[in-house]
Amino acid sequence: MRLEQFTPTYMVERIYDLTVDDLKAHGVKTVLADLDNTLLAWNNPNGTPELRQWLADLREGGIELIVVSNNTTKRVAKAVEPLGVQFVSWSLKPLPRGILHVLRTHHLDRQSVIMVGDQMLTDIWAAHAAGVRSVLVKRLIDSDMWQTWLNRSIEKQVKKIVFRAHPNLKWEKSLRDN
């Protein structure tokens, strides 16, 4: 396993900090996003006014958002239906399966896609395995679904190693090329 698999292309504090102008300046036409603790707090399925405004900004700017989640179809559909967002469930991250499915079925160019998520061991790894740029965001809330606990404890160690190897990686308010 190479360290670069876990190293995000960008680090942005929150997904809502990704502006249409910034995304377009980086050639992004489609944002793939993890669901829980990236797009929505796992315990707040209704989202926030800030989320709805961000989604409206993306739509107005012609940027598509597609959720790529490891969750069940029922769980993801229930969460994204009020948002009017397409999704892939059971994506099996860190395998690139879900991202590759979206690239293939939507006929997307890898250069115009980014994957945004709150976990190096799933979202970032899957993005790199699929050949797309990655954005690591801070999780929206400090708690997680119980299934995520083991992954977070392993990831804590991986983060230390990645940040030590890449001291230029810092939390930003926009996409900054390192």
N, C-alpha and C. Protein backbone atom coordinates (compact mmCIF):
# COMPACT_ATOMS: atom_id res chain seq x y z
N MET A 1 0.83 -1.18 0.00
CA MET A 1 0.00 0.00 0.00
C MET A 1 0.88 1.25 0.00
N ARG A 2 0.57 2.17 -0.87
CA ARG A 2 1.33 3.41 -0.95
C ARG A 2 0.63 4.50 -0.15
N LEU A 3 1.42 5.33 0.47
CA LEU A 3 0.90 6.45 1.26
C LEU A 3 0.06 7.40 0.41
N GLU A 4 0.43 7.54 -0.86
CA GLU A 4 -0.28 8.48 -1.75
C GLU A 4 -1.75 8.10 -1.93
N GLN A 5 -2.08 6.82 -1.74
CA GLN A 5 -3.48 6.40 -1.87
C GLN A 5 -4.39 7.12 -0.87
N PHE A 6 -3.80 7.50 0.26
CA PHE A 6 -4.58 8.13 1.32
C PHE A 6 -4.41 9.65 1.36
N THR A 7 -3.54 10.17 0.51
CA THR A 7 -3.23 11.60 0.53
C THR A 7 -4.20 12.36 -0.35
N PRO A 8 -5.00 13.24 0.22
CA PRO A 8 -5.99 13.97 -0.59
C PRO A 8 -5.32 14.96 -1.53
N THR A 9 -5.95 15.18 -2.66
CA THR A 9 -5.50 16.20 -3.60
C THR A 9 -5.67 17.57 -2.97
N TYR A 10 -6.80 17.75 -2.28
CA TYR A 10 -7.12 19.01 -1.61
C TYR A 10 -7.68 18.69 -0.23
N MET A 11 -7.58 19.67 0.65
CA MET A 11 -8.21 19.58 1.97
C MET A 11 -8.99 20.88 2.19
N VAL A 12 -10.30 20.75 2.31
CA VAL A 12 -11.18 21.90 2.50
C VAL A 12 -12.00 21.63 3.76
N GLU A 13 -12.17 22.65 4.58
CA GLU A 13 -12.83 22.44 5.87
C GLU A 13 -14.20 21.79 5.74
N ARG A 14 -15.05 22.32 4.85
CA ARG A 14 -16.40 21.77 4.69
C ARG A 14 -16.77 21.71 3.22
N ILE A 15 -17.61 20.80 2.87
CA ILE A 15 -18.03 20.67 1.46
C ILE A 15 -18.69 21.98 0.99
N TYR A 16 -19.37 22.66 1.92
CA TYR A 16 -20.06 23.90 1.54
C TYR A 16 -19.10 25.04 1.22
N ASP A 17 -17.80 24.86 1.53
CA ASP A 17 -16.79 25.86 1.18
C ASP A 17 -16.38 25.77 -0.29
N LEU A 18 -16.79 24.71 -0.97
CA LEU A 18 -16.47 24.56 -2.39
C LEU A 18 -17.44 25.42 -3.20
N THR A 19 -16.93 26.53 -3.70
CA THR A 19 -17.79 27.45 -4.46
C THR A 19 -17.81 27.06 -5.93
N VAL A 20 -18.84 27.49 -6.61
CA VAL A 20 -18.97 27.24 -8.05
C VAL A 20 -17.77 27.82 -8.79
N ASP A 21 -17.38 29.04 -8.46
CA ASP A 21 -16.23 29.67 -9.13
C ASP A 21 -14.96 28.87 -8.93
N ASP A 22 -14.73 28.42 -7.71
CA ASP A 22 -13.54 27.65 -7.39
C ASP A 22 -13.55 26.31 -8.14
N LEU A 23 -14.68 25.64 -8.13
CA LEU A 23 -14.80 24.37 -8.83
C LEU A 23 -14.54 24.55 -10.32
N LYS A 24 -15.17 25.55 -10.92
CA LYS A 24 -14.98 25.80 -12.35
C LYS A 24 -13.54 26.16 -12.67
N ALA A 25 -12.90 26.93 -11.80
CA ALA A 25 -11.50 27.31 -12.00
C ALA A 25 -10.59 26.08 -12.02
N HIS A 26 -11.02 25.00 -11.37
CA HIS A 26 -10.26 23.76 -11.33
C HIS A 26 -10.80 22.73 -12.33
N GLY A 27 -11.67 23.17 -13.23
CA GLY A 27 -12.17 22.29 -14.29
C GLY A 27 -13.18 21.27 -13.83
N VAL A 28 -13.81 21.50 -12.69
CA VAL A 28 -14.76 20.52 -12.14
C VAL A 28 -16.16 20.79 -12.68
N LYS A 29 -16.75 19.74 -13.26
CA LYS A 29 -18.12 19.80 -13.75
C LYS A 29 -19.05 18.92 -12.93
N THR A 30 -18.45 17.93 -12.23
CA THR A 30 -19.24 17.01 -11.41
C THR A 30 -18.55 16.78 -10.08
N VAL A 31 -19.32 16.93 -9.00
CA VAL A 31 -18.83 16.67 -7.65
C VAL A 31 -19.47 15.36 -7.19
N LEU A 32 -18.63 14.40 -6.85
CA LEU A 32 -19.11 13.17 -6.21
C LEU A 32 -18.89 13.38 -4.72
N ALA A 33 -19.89 13.05 -3.92
CA ALA A 33 -19.78 13.32 -2.49
C ALA A 33 -20.24 12.14 -1.67
N ASP A 34 -19.50 11.87 -0.62
CA ASP A 34 -19.93 10.94 0.40
C ASP A 34 -21.17 11.54 1.05
N LEU A 35 -21.98 10.72 1.68
CA LEU A 35 -23.21 11.21 2.31
C LEU A 35 -23.00 11.58 3.77
N ASP A 36 -22.79 10.58 4.61
CA ASP A 36 -22.78 10.79 6.06
C ASP A 36 -21.53 11.53 6.54
N ASN A 37 -21.80 12.63 7.23
CA ASN A 37 -20.77 13.48 7.83
C ASN A 37 -19.93 14.24 6.81
N THR A 38 -20.33 14.16 5.53
CA THR A 38 -19.72 14.98 4.48
C THR A 38 -20.79 15.94 3.96
N LEU A 39 -21.84 15.38 3.40
CA LEU A 39 -22.93 16.19 2.86
C LEU A 39 -23.98 16.49 3.93
N LEU A 40 -24.28 15.48 4.72
CA LEU A 40 -25.26 15.60 5.80
C LEU A 40 -24.66 15.03 7.08
N ALA A 41 -25.00 15.61 8.20
CA ALA A 41 -24.64 14.97 9.47
C ALA A 41 -25.45 13.67 9.53
N TRP A 42 -24.82 12.59 9.91
CA TRP A 42 -25.49 11.28 9.87
C TRP A 42 -26.77 11.26 10.69
N ASN A 43 -26.84 12.12 11.72
CA ASN A 43 -28.02 12.12 12.58
C ASN A 43 -28.98 13.27 12.26
N ASN A 44 -28.75 13.96 11.12
CA ASN A 44 -29.64 15.04 10.70
C ASN A 44 -30.00 14.82 9.23
N PRO A 45 -30.92 13.89 8.96
CA PRO A 45 -31.23 13.53 7.58
C PRO A 45 -31.88 14.65 6.77
N ASN A 46 -32.36 15.68 7.45
CA ASN A 46 -33.02 16.77 6.71
C ASN A 46 -32.05 17.82 6.21
N GLY A 47 -30.80 17.76 6.65
CA GLY A 47 -29.82 18.74 6.19
C GLY A 47 -30.06 20.10 6.82
N THR A 48 -29.39 21.09 6.26
CA THR A 48 -29.44 22.44 6.80
C THR A 48 -29.79 23.43 5.68
N PRO A 49 -30.21 24.64 6.04
CA PRO A 49 -30.42 25.66 5.01
C PRO A 49 -29.14 25.92 4.21
N GLU A 50 -27.98 25.82 4.88
CA GLU A 50 -26.71 26.03 4.20
C GLU A 50 -26.50 24.97 3.10
N LEU A 51 -26.87 23.73 3.38
CA LEU A 51 -26.77 22.67 2.37
C LEU A 51 -27.67 22.99 1.18
N ARG A 52 -28.90 23.36 1.45
CA ARG A 52 -29.84 23.65 0.37
C ARG A 52 -29.36 24.82 -0.50
N GLN A 53 -28.77 25.84 0.14
CA GLN A 53 -28.23 26.97 -0.61
C GLN A 53 -27.05 26.53 -1.47
N TRP A 54 -26.17 25.70 -0.92
CA TRP A 54 -25.02 25.21 -1.67
C TRP A 54 -25.47 24.40 -2.88
N LEU A 55 -26.48 23.54 -2.69
CA LEU A 55 -27.01 22.74 -3.81
C LEU A 55 -27.61 23.64 -4.87
N ALA A 56 -28.33 24.68 -4.45
CA ALA A 56 -28.91 25.64 -5.41
C ALA A 56 -27.81 26.35 -6.19
N ASP A 57 -26.73 26.73 -5.49
CA ASP A 57 -25.60 27.39 -6.16
C ASP A 57 -24.98 26.46 -7.20
N LEU A 58 -24.78 25.19 -6.85
CA LEU A 58 -24.22 24.23 -7.80
C LEU A 58 -25.10 24.11 -9.03
N ARG A 59 -26.39 23.93 -8.81
CA ARG A 59 -27.32 23.78 -9.94
C ARG A 59 -27.29 25.01 -10.84
N GLU A 60 -27.34 26.17 -10.23
CA GLU A 60 -27.30 27.43 -10.98
C GLU A 60 -25.99 27.55 -11.77
N GLY A 61 -24.91 27.04 -11.20
CA GLY A 61 -23.61 27.11 -11.85
C GLY A 61 -23.36 25.98 -12.84
N GLY A 62 -24.33 25.07 -12.99
CA GLY A 62 -24.19 23.98 -13.95
C GLY A 62 -23.26 22.87 -13.50
N ILE A 63 -23.08 22.73 -12.20
CA ILE A 63 -22.23 21.66 -11.65
C ILE A 63 -23.13 20.60 -11.03
N GLU A 64 -22.93 19.38 -11.46
CA GLU A 64 -23.75 18.26 -10.98
C GLU A 64 -23.16 17.68 -9.70
N LEU A 65 -24.03 17.29 -8.79
CA LEU A 65 -23.63 16.60 -7.57
C LEU A 65 -24.25 15.20 -7.59
N ILE A 66 -23.41 14.20 -7.34
CA ILE A 66 -23.88 12.82 -7.24
C ILE A 66 -23.31 12.22 -5.96
N VAL A 67 -24.17 11.66 -5.14
CA VAL A 67 -23.74 11.05 -3.88
C VAL A 67 -23.24 9.64 -4.17
N VAL A 68 -22.07 9.32 -3.60
CA VAL A 68 -21.48 7.98 -3.70
C VAL A 68 -21.31 7.49 -2.27
N SER A 69 -22.17 6.56 -1.87
CA SER A 69 -22.23 6.14 -0.47
C SER A 69 -22.10 4.64 -0.32
N ASN A 70 -21.54 4.23 0.81
CA ASN A 70 -21.48 2.80 1.15
C ASN A 70 -22.78 2.32 1.78
N ASN A 71 -23.68 3.23 2.07
CA ASN A 71 -24.93 2.88 2.74
C ASN A 71 -25.88 2.12 1.82
N THR A 72 -26.95 1.62 2.42
CA THR A 72 -27.98 0.88 1.68
C THR A 72 -28.75 1.83 0.77
N THR A 73 -29.34 1.26 -0.25
CA THR A 73 -30.14 2.04 -1.18
C THR A 73 -31.28 2.74 -0.45
N LYS A 74 -31.93 2.04 0.46
CA LYS A 74 -33.04 2.62 1.21
C LYS A 74 -32.59 3.84 2.01
N ARG A 75 -31.48 3.72 2.71
CA ARG A 75 -30.96 4.81 3.54
C ARG A 75 -30.57 6.03 2.70
N VAL A 76 -29.84 5.79 1.59
CA VAL A 76 -29.38 6.90 0.76
C VAL A 76 -30.55 7.56 0.03
N ALA A 77 -31.44 6.76 -0.50
CA ALA A 77 -32.60 7.31 -1.22
C ALA A 77 -33.43 8.21 -0.30
N LYS A 78 -33.66 7.75 0.91
CA LYS A 78 -34.43 8.55 1.88
C LYS A 78 -33.73 9.88 2.18
N ALA A 79 -32.41 9.84 2.28
CA ALA A 79 -31.65 11.05 2.63
C ALA A 79 -31.59 12.05 1.47
N VAL A 80 -31.42 11.57 0.24
CA VAL A 80 -31.20 12.50 -0.87
C VAL A 80 -32.46 12.86 -1.65
N GLU A 81 -33.54 12.10 -1.47
CA GLU A 81 -34.76 12.41 -2.23
C GLU A 81 -35.22 13.85 -2.04
N PRO A 82 -35.26 14.36 -0.79
CA PRO A 82 -35.70 15.75 -0.63
C PRO A 82 -34.73 16.76 -1.27
N LEU A 83 -33.51 16.33 -1.53
CA LEU A 83 -32.50 17.22 -2.11
C LEU A 83 -32.48 17.17 -3.63
N GLY A 84 -33.15 16.17 -4.21
CA GLY A 84 -33.18 16.04 -5.66
C GLY A 84 -31.81 15.71 -6.25
N VAL A 85 -31.08 14.83 -5.57
CA VAL A 85 -29.71 14.49 -5.97
C VAL A 85 -29.65 13.03 -6.38
N GLN A 86 -28.91 12.73 -7.44
CA GLN A 86 -28.70 11.34 -7.86
C GLN A 86 -27.70 10.68 -6.90
N PHE A 87 -27.71 9.35 -6.89
CA PHE A 87 -26.81 8.66 -5.97
C PHE A 87 -26.45 7.27 -6.45
N VAL A 88 -25.37 6.76 -5.87
CA VAL A 88 -24.97 5.36 -5.99
C VAL A 88 -24.84 4.87 -4.56
N SER A 89 -25.52 3.76 -4.25
CA SER A 89 -25.42 3.17 -2.92
C SER A 89 -24.57 1.91 -2.99
N TRP A 90 -24.30 1.30 -1.85
CA TRP A 90 -23.49 0.08 -1.80
C TRP A 90 -22.23 0.23 -2.65
N SER A 91 -21.58 1.38 -2.59
CA SER A 91 -20.45 1.65 -3.48
C SER A 91 -19.18 0.88 -3.11
N LEU A 92 -19.13 0.33 -1.91
CA LEU A 92 -18.01 -0.51 -1.46
C LEU A 92 -16.67 0.24 -1.37
N LYS A 93 -16.72 1.54 -1.07
CA LYS A 93 -15.47 2.26 -0.86
C LYS A 93 -14.73 1.59 0.30
N PRO A 94 -13.45 1.36 0.19
CA PRO A 94 -12.46 2.03 -0.64
C PRO A 94 -12.31 1.47 -2.05
N LEU A 95 -13.04 0.44 -2.42
CA LEU A 95 -12.98 -0.01 -3.81
C LEU A 95 -13.52 1.11 -4.69
N PRO A 96 -13.03 1.25 -5.90
CA PRO A 96 -13.47 2.33 -6.77
C PRO A 96 -14.80 2.05 -7.47
N ARG A 97 -15.44 0.95 -7.15
CA ARG A 97 -16.64 0.48 -7.84
C ARG A 97 -17.70 1.56 -8.07
N GLY A 98 -18.12 2.24 -7.00
CA GLY A 98 -19.18 3.24 -7.12
C GLY A 98 -18.78 4.43 -7.98
N ILE A 99 -17.55 4.89 -7.81
CA ILE A 99 -17.07 6.03 -8.60
C ILE A 99 -16.95 5.64 -10.07
N LEU A 100 -16.39 4.46 -10.34
CA LEU A 100 -16.26 4.01 -11.72
C LEU A 100 -17.62 3.83 -12.38
N HIS A 101 -18.60 3.36 -11.61
CA HIS A 101 -19.97 3.22 -12.12
C HIS A 101 -20.51 4.58 -12.57
N VAL A 102 -20.31 5.60 -11.75
CA VAL A 102 -20.78 6.95 -12.10
C VAL A 102 -20.04 7.46 -13.33
N LEU A 103 -18.74 7.31 -13.37
CA LEU A 103 -17.96 7.76 -14.54
C LEU A 103 -18.48 7.12 -15.82
N ARG A 104 -18.72 5.81 -15.75
CA ARG A 104 -19.16 5.06 -16.93
C ARG A 104 -20.60 5.43 -17.34
N THR A 105 -21.52 5.41 -16.39
CA THR A 105 -22.94 5.61 -16.73
C THR A 105 -23.27 7.06 -17.07
N HIS A 106 -22.47 8.01 -16.58
CA HIS A 106 -22.71 9.42 -16.88
C HIS A 106 -21.75 9.95 -17.94
N HIS A 107 -20.91 9.06 -18.46
CA HIS A 107 -19.94 9.43 -19.52
C HIS A 107 -19.11 10.64 -19.11
N LEU A 108 -18.49 10.55 -17.93
CA LEU A 108 -17.73 11.65 -17.39
C LEU A 108 -16.24 11.49 -17.65
N ASP A 109 -15.59 12.61 -17.87
CA ASP A 109 -14.14 12.67 -18.01
C ASP A 109 -13.55 12.78 -16.61
N ARG A 110 -12.62 11.91 -16.27
CA ARG A 110 -12.03 11.91 -14.93
C ARG A 110 -11.49 13.28 -14.52
N GLN A 111 -10.96 14.04 -15.49
CA GLN A 111 -10.37 15.35 -15.19
C GLN A 111 -11.41 16.36 -14.71
N SER A 112 -12.69 16.11 -15.01
CA SER A 112 -13.74 17.07 -14.65
C SER A 112 -14.51 16.67 -13.39
N VAL A 113 -13.99 15.66 -12.68
CA VAL A 113 -14.68 15.10 -11.52
C VAL A 113 -13.80 15.19 -10.28
N ILE A 114 -14.41 15.49 -9.14
CA ILE A 114 -13.73 15.35 -7.85
C ILE A 114 -14.62 14.53 -6.92
N MET A 115 -13.97 13.83 -6.02
CA MET A 115 -14.67 13.06 -4.99
C MET A 115 -14.40 13.74 -3.66
N VAL A 116 -15.48 14.07 -2.95
CA VAL A 116 -15.37 14.75 -1.66
C VAL A 116 -15.85 13.81 -0.56
N GLY A 117 -15.04 13.69 0.49
CA GLY A 117 -15.43 12.84 1.60
C GLY A 117 -14.67 13.17 2.85
N ASP A 118 -15.13 12.60 3.95
CA ASP A 118 -14.54 12.90 5.26
C ASP A 118 -13.61 11.80 5.77
N GLN A 119 -13.35 10.77 4.95
CA GLN A 119 -12.50 9.67 5.41
C GLN A 119 -11.42 9.31 4.38
N MET A 120 -10.19 9.28 4.85
CA MET A 120 -9.07 8.90 3.98
C MET A 120 -9.15 7.43 3.57
N LEU A 121 -9.59 6.59 4.49
CA LEU A 121 -9.56 5.14 4.24
C LEU A 121 -10.69 4.64 3.36
N THR A 122 -11.64 5.50 3.06
CA THR A 122 -12.72 5.09 2.16
C THR A 122 -12.78 6.06 0.97
N ASP A 123 -13.16 7.29 1.23
CA ASP A 123 -13.42 8.26 0.16
C ASP A 123 -12.16 8.62 -0.64
N ILE A 124 -11.09 8.97 0.05
CA ILE A 124 -9.87 9.40 -0.63
C ILE A 124 -9.23 8.22 -1.36
N TRP A 125 -9.15 7.09 -0.70
CA TRP A 125 -8.58 5.89 -1.31
C TRP A 125 -9.38 5.49 -2.56
N ALA A 126 -10.70 5.50 -2.47
CA ALA A 126 -11.54 5.14 -3.62
C ALA A 126 -11.35 6.13 -4.77
N ALA A 127 -11.26 7.42 -4.45
CA ALA A 127 -11.07 8.42 -5.49
C ALA A 127 -9.78 8.16 -6.26
N HIS A 128 -8.69 7.94 -5.53
CA HIS A 128 -7.41 7.70 -6.19
C HIS A 128 -7.41 6.39 -6.98
N ALA A 129 -8.07 5.38 -6.45
CA ALA A 129 -8.16 4.10 -7.16
C ALA A 129 -8.94 4.26 -8.46
N ALA A 130 -9.88 5.20 -8.48
CA ALA A 130 -10.69 5.45 -9.68
C ALA A 130 -10.04 6.47 -10.61
N GLY A 131 -8.95 7.09 -10.16
CA GLY A 131 -8.24 8.05 -11.00
C GLY A 131 -8.85 9.44 -11.02
N VAL A 132 -9.56 9.82 -9.94
CA VAL A 132 -10.12 11.17 -9.86
C VAL A 132 -9.49 11.92 -8.69
N ARG A 133 -9.52 13.24 -8.78
CA ARG A 133 -8.99 14.05 -7.68
C ARG A 133 -9.88 13.91 -6.45
N SER A 134 -9.27 14.14 -5.29
CA SER A 134 -10.00 13.95 -4.04
C SER A 134 -9.96 15.21 -3.18
N VAL A 135 -11.01 15.37 -2.40
CA VAL A 135 -11.09 16.47 -1.44
C VAL A 135 -11.47 15.87 -0.09
N LEU A 136 -10.58 16.03 0.88
CA LEU A 136 -10.88 15.60 2.24
C LEU A 136 -11.50 16.78 2.96
N VAL A 137 -12.64 16.54 3.62
CA VAL A 137 -13.29 17.57 4.43
C VAL A 137 -13.34 17.09 5.87
N LYS A 138 -13.45 18.04 6.78
CA LYS A 138 -13.67 17.68 8.18
C LYS A 138 -15.08 17.12 8.30
N ARG A 139 -15.24 16.14 9.15
CA ARG A 139 -16.59 15.60 9.33
C ARG A 139 -17.48 16.67 9.96
N LEU A 140 -18.75 16.64 9.57
CA LEU A 140 -19.68 17.69 10.00
C LEU A 140 -19.92 17.70 11.50
N ILE A 141 -19.98 16.51 12.09
CA ILE A 141 -20.14 16.42 13.54
C ILE A 141 -19.14 15.39 14.06
N ASP A 142 -18.84 15.46 15.34
CA ASP A 142 -17.80 14.59 15.91
C ASP A 142 -18.22 13.15 16.12
N SER A 143 -19.51 12.88 16.10
CA SER A 143 -19.93 11.49 16.28
C SER A 143 -20.20 10.85 14.92
N ASP A 144 -20.17 9.54 14.90
CA ASP A 144 -20.38 8.76 13.67
C ASP A 144 -21.37 7.65 13.94
N MET A 145 -21.83 7.05 12.86
CA MET A 145 -22.59 5.82 13.01
C MET A 145 -21.66 4.78 13.61
N TRP A 146 -22.17 3.83 14.35
CA TRP A 146 -21.34 2.86 15.05
C TRP A 146 -20.43 2.08 14.11
N GLN A 147 -20.84 1.86 12.86
CA GLN A 147 -20.05 1.07 11.92
C GLN A 147 -18.73 1.77 11.55
N THR A 148 -18.66 3.07 11.76
CA THR A 148 -17.51 3.85 11.34
C THR A 148 -16.41 3.91 12.40
N TRP A 149 -16.70 3.48 13.62
CA TRP A 149 -15.76 3.64 14.72
C TRP A 149 -14.39 3.00 14.44
N LEU A 150 -14.36 1.75 13.98
CA LEU A 150 -13.09 1.07 13.72
C LEU A 150 -12.28 1.81 12.66
N ASN A 151 -12.96 2.19 11.59
CA ASN A 151 -12.29 2.91 10.51
C ASN A 151 -11.66 4.21 11.02
N ARG A 152 -12.37 4.93 11.87
CA ARG A 152 -11.84 6.20 12.40
C ARG A 152 -10.60 5.96 13.27
N SER A 153 -10.60 4.90 14.04
CA SER A 153 -9.44 4.65 14.90
C SER A 153 -8.21 4.29 14.08
N ILE A 154 -8.37 3.53 13.02
CA ILE A 154 -7.25 3.22 12.13
C ILE A 154 -6.82 4.49 11.38
N GLU A 155 -7.81 5.25 10.92
CA GLU A 155 -7.52 6.45 10.15
C GLU A 155 -6.72 7.49 10.95
N LYS A 156 -6.94 7.55 12.23
CA LYS A 156 -6.20 8.48 13.08
C LYS A 156 -4.69 8.27 12.92
N GLN A 157 -4.27 7.01 12.88
CA GLN A 157 -2.85 6.69 12.71
C GLN A 157 -2.37 7.03 11.30
N VAL A 158 -3.20 6.71 10.31
CA VAL A 158 -2.85 7.00 8.92
C VAL A 158 -2.70 8.51 8.70
N LYS A 159 -3.60 9.29 9.29
CA LYS A 159 -3.53 10.75 9.16
C LYS A 159 -2.20 11.29 9.69
N LYS A 160 -1.77 10.79 10.82
CA LYS A 160 -0.49 11.24 11.39
C LYS A 160 0.64 11.01 10.41
N ILE A 161 0.66 9.85 9.79
CA ILE A 161 1.72 9.49 8.84
C ILE A 161 1.64 10.37 7.59
N VAL A 162 0.43 10.54 7.06
CA VAL A 162 0.24 11.35 5.85
C VAL A 162 0.64 12.80 6.11
N PHE A 163 0.20 13.37 7.23
CA PHE A 163 0.50 14.77 7.52
C PHE A 163 1.99 14.98 7.81
N ARG A 164 2.63 13.99 8.38
CA ARG A 164 4.08 14.08 8.62
C ARG A 164 4.82 14.06 7.28
N ALA A 165 4.38 13.22 6.36
CA ALA A 165 5.02 13.10 5.05
C ALA A 165 4.71 14.29 4.13
N HIS A 166 3.58 14.95 4.38
CA HIS A 166 3.13 16.07 3.54
C HIS A 166 2.80 17.27 4.41
N PRO A 167 3.80 17.96 4.93
CA PRO A 167 3.54 19.08 5.84
C PRO A 167 2.81 20.25 5.17
N ASN A 168 2.77 20.26 3.84
CA ASN A 168 2.05 21.33 3.13
C ASN A 168 0.54 21.12 3.14
N LEU A 169 0.06 19.94 3.53
CA LEU A 169 -1.38 19.69 3.61
C LEU A 169 -1.95 20.42 4.81
N LYS A 170 -2.87 21.33 4.53
CA LYS A 170 -3.52 22.10 5.59
C LYS A 170 -4.98 22.28 5.23
N TRP A 171 -5.80 22.47 6.25
CA TRP A 171 -7.22 22.74 6.01
C TRP A 171 -7.36 24.11 5.38
N GLU A 172 -8.09 24.18 4.28
CA GLU A 172 -8.27 25.42 3.53
C GLU A 172 -9.76 25.79 3.49
N LYS A 173 -10.01 26.99 3.01
CA LYS A 173 -11.39 27.44 2.78
C LYS A 173 -11.78 27.33 1.32
N SER A 174 -10.82 26.90 0.48
CA SER A 174 -11.08 26.74 -0.96
C SER A 174 -10.10 25.70 -1.51
N LEU A 175 -10.26 25.37 -2.77
CA LEU A 175 -9.35 24.42 -3.39
C LEU A 175 -8.02 25.13 -3.65
N ARG A 176 -7.00 24.68 -2.98
CA ARG A 176 -5.67 25.28 -3.16
C ARG A 176 -4.74 24.18 -3.63
N ASP A 177 -4.05 24.45 -4.73
CA ASP A 177 -3.10 23.48 -5.25
C ASP A 177 -1.87 23.48 -4.35
N ASN A 178 -1.50 22.30 -3.89
CA ASN A 178 -0.34 22.17 -3.00
C ASN A 178 0.96 22.18 -3.78
